[in-house]
Amino acid sequence: MTSKITTLGQPMNELPSTVSPFRTVGPFTQHTLPAGLLKRHRTKAGVWGLLQVTSGRVHYIVAETDHESTLVLDESTPGVIIPEKTHHLTVVGPVTCQITFYKECTS
């Protein structure tokens, strides 16, 4: 039996069904990954992200109330970036990845 890692009630590898993509950045390599992604930062309210690794691995570190959670992302394990949740990345050798940003759909 496998369990999904969740934060704010949302699985860390699934986007809500109520969001749609609006921007993709990358692909980046370990040499071109923006320095800001390696420092603690967060997305704006209502902005989700999906970090997809196409080769290699990256550590996706999410700040929790009293600790940090580290997820190892690779080709088969994407990472969901939750709005306003502090996080950063750590490169683990050669990597290629991209981030697609999503926002709530409006009717």
Foldseek 3Di string as FASTA:
>chain_A
DDDFDDDPNHGFQDDDPQKDWDDKDDFDKPVRPDPVQQDKDFAAPQKKKKKAWCADWKWKWWDDPVGIDTDIHHNVGIGMGHHPTIIHMGHDPITTIMMIMIGGDDD
